[in-house]
N, C-alpha and C. Protein backbone atom coordinates (compact mmCIF):
# COMPACT_ATOMS: atom_id res chain seq x y z
N UNK A 1 25.53 83.13 116.80
CA UNK A 1 26.47 82.23 116.19
C UNK A 1 25.84 80.84 116.11
N UNK A 2 25.94 80.25 114.95
CA UNK A 2 25.36 78.93 114.73
C UNK A 2 26.28 77.86 115.28
N UNK A 3 25.71 76.91 116.01
CA UNK A 3 26.49 75.83 116.59
C UNK A 3 26.70 74.74 115.56
N UNK A 4 27.93 74.26 115.51
CA UNK A 4 28.26 73.21 114.56
C UNK A 4 27.69 71.88 115.05
N UNK A 5 27.02 71.17 114.16
CA UNK A 5 26.49 69.85 114.51
C UNK A 5 27.29 68.82 113.72
N UNK A 6 27.69 67.78 114.41
CA UNK A 6 28.48 66.73 113.76
C UNK A 6 27.64 65.46 113.62
N UNK A 7 27.83 64.73 112.56
CA UNK A 7 27.07 63.48 112.40
C UNK A 7 27.58 62.45 113.39
N UNK A 8 26.74 61.47 113.75
CA UNK A 8 27.19 60.42 114.67
C UNK A 8 28.29 59.58 114.02
N UNK A 9 29.21 59.10 114.83
CA UNK A 9 30.33 58.31 114.31
C UNK A 9 29.92 56.84 114.21
N UNK A 10 29.80 56.36 112.98
CA UNK A 10 29.38 54.98 112.75
C UNK A 10 30.52 53.99 112.97
N UNK A 11 31.78 54.48 113.04
CA UNK A 11 32.90 53.56 113.23
C UNK A 11 32.81 52.88 114.59
N UNK A 12 32.33 53.58 115.60
CA UNK A 12 32.19 52.96 116.92
C UNK A 12 31.13 51.86 116.88
N UNK A 13 30.06 52.09 116.14
CA UNK A 13 29.00 51.09 116.03
C UNK A 13 29.53 49.85 115.31
N UNK A 14 30.30 50.05 114.26
CA UNK A 14 30.87 48.94 113.50
C UNK A 14 31.86 48.15 114.36
N UNK A 15 32.69 48.86 115.12
CA UNK A 15 33.64 48.20 116.00
C UNK A 15 32.91 47.38 117.06
N UNK A 16 31.84 47.93 117.62
CA UNK A 16 31.09 47.22 118.65
C UNK A 16 30.43 45.96 118.07
N UNK A 17 29.92 46.03 116.84
CA UNK A 17 29.33 44.87 116.19
C UNK A 17 30.37 43.78 115.95
N UNK A 18 31.54 44.17 115.47
CA UNK A 18 32.58 43.19 115.18
C UNK A 18 33.08 42.52 116.46
N UNK A 19 33.31 43.31 117.50
CA UNK A 19 33.76 42.73 118.76
C UNK A 19 32.66 41.87 119.40
N UNK A 20 31.41 42.25 119.20
CA UNK A 20 30.30 41.44 119.69
C UNK A 20 30.25 40.09 119.01
N UNK A 21 30.59 40.04 117.72
CA UNK A 21 30.65 38.75 117.01
C UNK A 21 31.76 37.88 117.58
N UNK A 22 32.91 38.48 117.89
CA UNK A 22 34.00 37.71 118.48
C UNK A 22 33.61 37.20 119.87
N UNK A 23 32.92 38.04 120.64
CA UNK A 23 32.51 37.63 121.98
C UNK A 23 31.45 36.54 121.92
N UNK A 24 30.53 36.62 120.98
CA UNK A 24 29.46 35.62 120.87
C UNK A 24 29.93 34.30 120.30
N UNK A 25 30.90 34.32 119.40
CA UNK A 25 31.34 33.09 118.76
C UNK A 25 32.33 32.29 119.60
N UNK A 26 33.00 32.95 120.54
CA UNK A 26 33.97 32.31 121.44
C UNK A 26 35.13 31.68 120.67
N UNK A 27 35.46 32.23 119.52
CA UNK A 27 36.60 31.79 118.74
C UNK A 27 37.85 32.50 119.26
N UNK A 28 38.98 31.80 119.44
CA UNK A 28 40.20 32.48 119.90
C UNK A 28 40.64 33.55 118.91
N UNK A 29 41.09 34.67 119.44
CA UNK A 29 41.53 35.80 118.62
C UNK A 29 42.94 36.21 119.02
N UNK A 30 43.59 36.94 118.13
CA UNK A 30 44.88 37.56 118.39
C UNK A 30 44.65 39.06 118.39
N UNK A 31 45.03 39.71 119.47
CA UNK A 31 44.86 41.16 119.60
C UNK A 31 46.24 41.80 119.53
N UNK A 32 46.46 42.65 118.54
CA UNK A 32 47.71 43.38 118.42
C UNK A 32 47.49 44.79 118.97
N UNK A 33 48.31 45.20 119.91
CA UNK A 33 48.19 46.52 120.51
C UNK A 33 49.06 47.52 119.78
N UNK A 34 48.80 48.79 120.01
CA UNK A 34 49.55 49.85 119.33
C UNK A 34 51.03 49.84 119.68
N UNK A 35 51.39 49.36 120.88
CA UNK A 35 52.79 49.33 121.27
C UNK A 35 53.52 48.08 120.78
N UNK A 36 52.85 47.21 120.01
CA UNK A 36 53.48 46.03 119.45
C UNK A 36 53.23 44.75 120.23
N UNK A 37 52.57 44.83 121.36
CA UNK A 37 52.28 43.66 122.17
C UNK A 37 51.23 42.80 121.48
N UNK A 38 51.42 41.49 121.55
CA UNK A 38 50.47 40.55 120.94
C UNK A 38 49.82 39.73 122.04
N UNK A 39 48.50 39.80 122.14
CA UNK A 39 47.74 39.04 123.12
C UNK A 39 46.89 38.02 122.40
N UNK A 40 46.74 36.85 123.00
CA UNK A 40 45.94 35.80 122.39
C UNK A 40 44.96 35.27 123.42
N UNK A 41 43.71 35.04 123.01
CA UNK A 41 42.72 34.51 123.92
C UNK A 41 41.32 34.61 123.34
N UNK A 42 40.33 34.52 124.23
CA UNK A 42 38.92 34.56 123.85
C UNK A 42 38.32 35.83 124.43
N UNK A 43 37.51 36.52 123.64
CA UNK A 43 36.84 37.73 124.12
C UNK A 43 35.71 37.29 125.06
N UNK A 44 35.84 37.64 126.33
CA UNK A 44 34.85 37.25 127.33
C UNK A 44 33.73 38.28 127.43
N UNK A 45 34.08 39.55 127.45
CA UNK A 45 33.08 40.61 127.58
C UNK A 45 33.66 41.90 127.03
N UNK A 46 32.79 42.87 126.78
CA UNK A 46 33.23 44.18 126.30
C UNK A 46 32.21 45.23 126.68
N UNK A 47 32.67 46.46 126.74
CA UNK A 47 31.78 47.59 126.91
C UNK A 47 32.28 48.72 126.02
N UNK A 48 31.91 49.95 126.30
CA UNK A 48 32.28 51.06 125.42
C UNK A 48 33.78 51.34 125.41
N UNK A 49 34.49 51.02 126.47
CA UNK A 49 35.90 51.39 126.58
C UNK A 49 36.85 50.20 126.76
N UNK A 50 36.36 49.08 127.29
CA UNK A 50 37.23 47.98 127.66
C UNK A 50 36.87 46.69 126.95
N UNK A 51 37.85 45.79 126.91
CA UNK A 51 37.69 44.46 126.35
C UNK A 51 38.28 43.48 127.36
N UNK A 52 37.55 42.44 127.70
CA UNK A 52 38.02 41.43 128.64
C UNK A 52 38.48 40.22 127.84
N UNK A 53 39.76 39.88 127.94
CA UNK A 53 40.35 38.81 127.14
C UNK A 53 40.88 37.73 128.07
N UNK A 54 40.38 36.50 127.92
CA UNK A 54 40.80 35.39 128.76
C UNK A 54 41.43 34.29 127.94
N UNK A 55 42.16 33.40 128.61
CA UNK A 55 42.79 32.27 127.91
C UNK A 55 41.76 31.26 127.46
N UNK A 56 40.71 31.09 128.25
CA UNK A 56 39.57 30.25 127.89
C UNK A 56 38.33 30.80 128.58
N UNK A 57 37.20 30.12 128.44
CA UNK A 57 35.95 30.64 128.99
C UNK A 57 35.93 30.63 130.52
N UNK A 58 36.68 29.74 131.16
CA UNK A 58 36.69 29.64 132.61
C UNK A 58 37.91 30.32 133.24
N UNK A 59 38.52 31.23 132.52
CA UNK A 59 39.70 31.93 133.03
C UNK A 59 39.31 32.80 134.22
N UNK A 60 40.02 32.60 135.35
CA UNK A 60 39.70 33.36 136.57
C UNK A 60 40.42 34.70 136.62
N UNK A 61 41.44 34.89 135.80
CA UNK A 61 42.17 36.14 135.78
C UNK A 61 42.31 36.66 134.35
N UNK A 62 41.24 37.19 133.77
CA UNK A 62 41.32 37.70 132.40
C UNK A 62 42.11 39.01 132.34
N UNK A 63 42.53 39.36 131.15
CA UNK A 63 43.28 40.59 130.90
C UNK A 63 42.30 41.67 130.46
N UNK A 64 42.44 42.86 131.03
CA UNK A 64 41.62 44.00 130.64
C UNK A 64 42.41 44.82 129.63
N UNK A 65 41.81 45.08 128.46
CA UNK A 65 42.48 45.83 127.40
C UNK A 65 41.61 47.04 127.06
N UNK A 66 42.22 48.22 127.05
CA UNK A 66 41.50 49.41 126.60
C UNK A 66 41.33 49.35 125.09
N UNK A 67 40.15 49.70 124.60
CA UNK A 67 39.89 49.62 123.16
C UNK A 67 40.76 50.58 122.37
N UNK A 68 41.09 51.74 122.94
CA UNK A 68 41.88 52.71 122.17
C UNK A 68 43.33 52.24 121.99
N UNK A 69 43.74 51.21 122.74
CA UNK A 69 45.10 50.67 122.61
C UNK A 69 45.17 49.56 121.57
N UNK A 70 44.04 49.12 121.03
CA UNK A 70 44.01 48.01 120.07
C UNK A 70 44.29 48.53 118.66
N UNK A 71 45.25 47.89 118.00
CA UNK A 71 45.55 48.23 116.62
C UNK A 71 44.81 47.31 115.65
N UNK A 72 44.74 45.99 115.98
CA UNK A 72 44.10 45.05 115.07
C UNK A 72 43.67 43.81 115.84
N UNK A 73 42.57 43.22 115.42
CA UNK A 73 42.10 41.95 115.98
C UNK A 73 41.87 40.98 114.83
N UNK A 74 42.46 39.80 114.95
CA UNK A 74 42.27 38.76 113.93
C UNK A 74 41.97 37.44 114.63
N UNK A 75 41.46 36.48 113.87
CA UNK A 75 41.22 35.15 114.42
C UNK A 75 42.56 34.45 114.62
N UNK A 76 42.65 33.63 115.66
CA UNK A 76 43.90 32.95 115.98
C UNK A 76 44.25 31.91 114.93
N UNK A 77 43.25 31.17 114.43
CA UNK A 77 43.51 30.16 113.41
C UNK A 77 42.93 30.61 112.09
N UNK A 78 43.77 30.64 111.07
CA UNK A 78 43.32 31.11 109.75
C UNK A 78 42.39 30.09 109.09
N UNK A 79 42.53 28.81 109.43
CA UNK A 79 41.73 27.78 108.80
C UNK A 79 40.40 27.54 109.49
N UNK A 80 40.10 28.30 110.53
CA UNK A 80 38.87 28.09 111.28
C UNK A 80 37.65 28.61 110.54
N UNK A 81 36.51 28.47 111.19
CA UNK A 81 35.28 28.92 110.55
C UNK A 81 35.25 30.45 110.51
N UNK A 82 34.68 30.99 109.45
CA UNK A 82 34.62 32.43 109.27
C UNK A 82 33.46 33.01 110.09
N UNK A 83 33.68 34.20 110.60
CA UNK A 83 32.61 34.89 111.32
C UNK A 83 31.60 35.45 110.33
N UNK A 84 30.33 35.45 110.68
CA UNK A 84 29.36 36.09 109.78
C UNK A 84 29.58 37.58 109.74
N UNK A 85 29.34 38.17 108.59
CA UNK A 85 29.52 39.62 108.44
C UNK A 85 28.44 40.34 109.24
N UNK A 86 28.79 41.48 109.86
CA UNK A 86 27.77 42.23 110.59
C UNK A 86 26.71 42.77 109.64
N UNK A 87 25.48 42.78 110.11
CA UNK A 87 24.39 43.26 109.27
C UNK A 87 24.48 44.77 109.13
N UNK A 88 24.52 45.21 107.89
CA UNK A 88 24.60 46.65 107.62
C UNK A 88 23.44 47.04 106.72
N UNK A 89 23.19 48.32 106.66
CA UNK A 89 22.15 48.83 105.78
C UNK A 89 22.59 48.64 104.34
N UNK A 90 21.61 48.43 103.45
CA UNK A 90 21.95 48.24 102.05
C UNK A 90 22.39 49.53 101.40
N UNK A 91 21.84 50.65 101.84
CA UNK A 91 22.24 51.94 101.27
C UNK A 91 22.98 52.74 102.34
N UNK A 92 24.19 53.20 102.03
CA UNK A 92 24.93 53.96 103.04
C UNK A 92 24.33 55.35 103.21
N UNK A 93 24.47 55.87 104.42
CA UNK A 93 24.01 57.22 104.68
C UNK A 93 25.12 58.18 104.30
N UNK A 94 24.79 59.12 103.45
CA UNK A 94 25.78 60.10 103.03
C UNK A 94 25.70 61.30 103.96
N UNK A 95 26.86 61.72 104.42
CA UNK A 95 26.94 62.82 105.36
C UNK A 95 27.43 64.05 104.61
N UNK A 96 26.72 65.18 104.74
CA UNK A 96 27.20 66.38 104.06
C UNK A 96 28.52 66.84 104.69
N UNK A 97 29.40 67.32 103.86
CA UNK A 97 30.69 67.80 104.33
C UNK A 97 30.50 69.16 104.98
N UNK A 98 31.09 69.32 106.15
CA UNK A 98 31.00 70.60 106.84
C UNK A 98 32.00 71.57 106.22
N UNK A 99 31.49 72.67 105.70
CA UNK A 99 32.35 73.70 105.12
C UNK A 99 32.06 75.01 105.85
N UNK A 100 33.05 75.54 106.54
CA UNK A 100 32.81 76.78 107.28
C UNK A 100 32.54 77.93 106.33
N UNK A 101 31.65 78.81 106.75
CA UNK A 101 31.36 79.98 105.94
C UNK A 101 32.46 81.01 106.11
N UNK A 102 32.76 81.70 105.03
CA UNK A 102 33.75 82.75 105.11
C UNK A 102 33.07 84.01 105.63
N UNK A 103 33.83 84.78 106.35
CA UNK A 103 33.28 86.03 106.87
C UNK A 103 33.07 87.03 105.74
N UNK A 104 31.96 87.66 105.80
CA UNK A 104 31.68 88.70 104.80
C UNK A 104 32.33 89.99 105.25
N UNK A 105 32.97 90.63 104.32
CA UNK A 105 33.59 91.91 104.64
C UNK A 105 32.59 93.03 104.46
N UNK A 106 32.66 93.98 105.32
CA UNK A 106 31.73 95.11 105.22
C UNK A 106 32.25 96.20 104.33
C-alpha cells in the first residue's frame, strides 16, 4: 500500500512571518480571539504554539495566548505606520491535488 504524502503547510510559515513582523516592530496590536474576546498590547515573543502579549515592553505580567485561539490580529492605530510585507517567492509553488485511486475490480 502506498503511503500518502502531503505537501508542507505554508500557512504556518506565513503566520509566523506576520507575527514576527509584529514582534519586531513593537507596534501595538489588537488581537481578536475566537470566543469574541478583544486583547490589546504589544507582541513580546512567540513560538510555534503561543503568543506573549504585554501592555508595553516592560510589562512584568504579560498575557499568554494560544495561536489556535486567535481569529484576527490588526494594528491598534489605523493611522500608524504600515508594516512591511513579508518577503515571498515571486513564483508560487503549485501543489498537485491528491486524488485517490479507485479500486480496480477483478
